Amino acid sequence: MGKQRRARRAFTAEFKAEIVEVCRRGDRSMRQVAKDFDLTETAVRDWVRQADLDAGTRTDGLTSTERDELARLRRENRRLAEDVEILKRATAFFAKETR
């Protein structure tokens, strides 16, 4: 039997920043920090990577601001596409009635 999956947890921005700071001190590896705080190593690596992107020390991904904007634009695009679909149906309905 496989390993049981852990329930998804949410962490505050302050907690993530604290973990990133602990990693940057350099006295412990990311693996050890993850183990000490009962986190996955992947999560810790992702938080450090995102902090580097936000700080401008990396350029191989989106900053948090860009991610937020992209998510907002995708939601808006989805809503507008739904609006267009509703308008198409309404146009077809009223076109039938006027005949």
Protein backbone atom coordinates (compact mmCIF):
# COMPACT_ATOMS: atom_id res chain seq x y z
CA MET A 1 0.00 0.00 0.00
CA GLY A 2 1.14 3.52 -0.79
CA LYS A 3 1.78 6.44 1.42
CA GLN A 4 -1.38 8.16 2.63
CA ARG A 5 -1.81 11.66 1.25
CA ARG A 6 -1.68 14.54 3.67
CA ALA A 7 -4.60 16.95 3.70
CA ARG A 8 -3.88 20.15 1.82
CA ARG A 9 -2.81 22.93 4.16
CA ALA A 10 -2.79 26.70 3.69
CA PHE A 11 0.04 28.89 4.93
CA THR A 12 0.17 32.63 5.44
CA ALA A 13 2.51 34.83 3.43
CA GLU A 14 4.31 35.68 6.68
CA PHE A 15 4.97 32.01 7.44
CA LYS A 16 6.28 31.41 3.92
CA ALA A 17 8.55 34.47 4.21
CA GLU A 18 9.89 33.14 7.51
CA ILE A 19 10.67 29.75 5.94
CA VAL A 20 12.41 31.47 3.01
CA GLU A 21 14.50 33.50 5.46
CA VAL A 22 15.50 30.36 7.36
CA CYS A 23 16.58 28.77 4.06
CA ARG A 24 18.56 31.82 3.02
CA ARG A 25 20.55 31.89 6.27
CA GLY A 26 22.33 28.85 4.90
CA ASP A 27 22.83 26.97 8.15
CA ARG A 28 20.35 24.26 7.08
CA SER A 29 19.49 22.71 3.74
CA MET A 30 16.02 23.11 2.27
CA ARG A 31 15.45 19.44 2.96
CA GLN A 32 16.30 19.93 6.63
CA VAL A 33 14.11 23.06 6.91
CA ALA A 34 11.21 21.14 5.37
CA LYS A 35 11.71 18.29 7.80
CA ASP A 36 12.05 20.61 10.82
CA PHE A 37 8.79 22.43 10.01
CA ASP A 38 6.88 19.33 8.80
CA LEU A 39 6.63 20.65 5.23
CA THR A 40 7.28 19.07 1.87
CA GLU A 41 10.62 19.84 0.32
CA THR A 42 8.82 20.78 -2.90
CA ALA A 43 6.75 23.43 -1.12
CA VAL A 44 9.85 24.95 0.47
CA ARG A 45 11.69 24.99 -2.87
CA ASP A 46 8.67 26.60 -4.55
CA TRP A 47 8.45 29.31 -1.86
CA VAL A 48 12.16 30.13 -2.18
CA ARG A 49 11.89 30.20 -5.98
CA GLN A 50 8.85 32.50 -5.85
CA ALA A 51 10.60 34.80 -3.38
CA ASP A 52 13.59 34.99 -5.75
CA LEU A 53 11.27 35.83 -8.66
CA ASP A 54 9.54 38.54 -6.62
CA ALA A 55 12.90 39.98 -5.55
CA GLY A 56 14.13 40.06 -9.15
CA THR A 57 17.04 37.69 -8.56
CA ARG A 58 15.45 35.19 -10.96
CA THR A 59 13.75 35.85 -14.27
CA ASP A 60 12.59 32.38 -15.30
CA GLY A 61 9.00 32.72 -14.13
CA LEU A 62 6.19 35.06 -13.14
CA THR A 63 6.28 37.29 -10.08
CA SER A 64 3.44 37.06 -7.58
CA THR A 65 1.98 40.27 -8.99
CA GLU A 66 2.09 38.87 -12.51
CA ARG A 67 0.51 35.61 -11.34
CA ASP A 68 -2.32 37.53 -9.63
CA GLU A 69 -2.89 39.63 -12.75
CA LEU A 70 -2.89 36.55 -14.98
CA ALA A 71 -5.44 34.82 -12.75
CA ARG A 72 -7.62 37.96 -12.74
CA LEU A 73 -7.43 38.26 -16.54
CA ARG A 74 -8.29 34.59 -17.01
CA ARG A 75 -11.36 34.97 -14.76
CA GLU A 76 -12.39 38.09 -16.68
CA ASN A 77 -11.84 36.35 -20.02
CA ARG A 78 -13.96 33.39 -18.90
CA ARG A 79 -16.76 35.72 -17.76
CA LEU A 80 -16.65 37.68 -21.03
CA ALA A 81 -16.78 34.46 -23.06
CA GLU A 82 -19.87 33.43 -21.09
CA ASP A 83 -21.42 36.86 -21.76
CA VAL A 84 -20.75 36.48 -25.50
CA GLU A 85 -22.37 33.04 -25.47
CA ILE A 86 -25.47 34.43 -23.73
CA LEU A 87 -25.67 37.28 -26.25
CA LYS A 88 -25.38 34.82 -29.16
CA ARG A 89 -28.28 32.78 -27.78
CA ALA A 90 -30.36 35.90 -27.18
CA THR A 91 -29.67 37.16 -30.71
CA ALA A 92 -30.70 33.81 -32.18
CA PHE A 93 -33.86 33.74 -30.03
CA PHE A 94 -34.94 37.25 -31.00
CA ALA A 95 -34.07 36.68 -34.66
CA LYS A 96 -36.55 33.76 -34.71
CA GLU A 97 -39.28 35.86 -33.06
CA THR A 98 -39.04 38.68 -35.58
CA ARG A 99 -39.57 36.38 -38.56
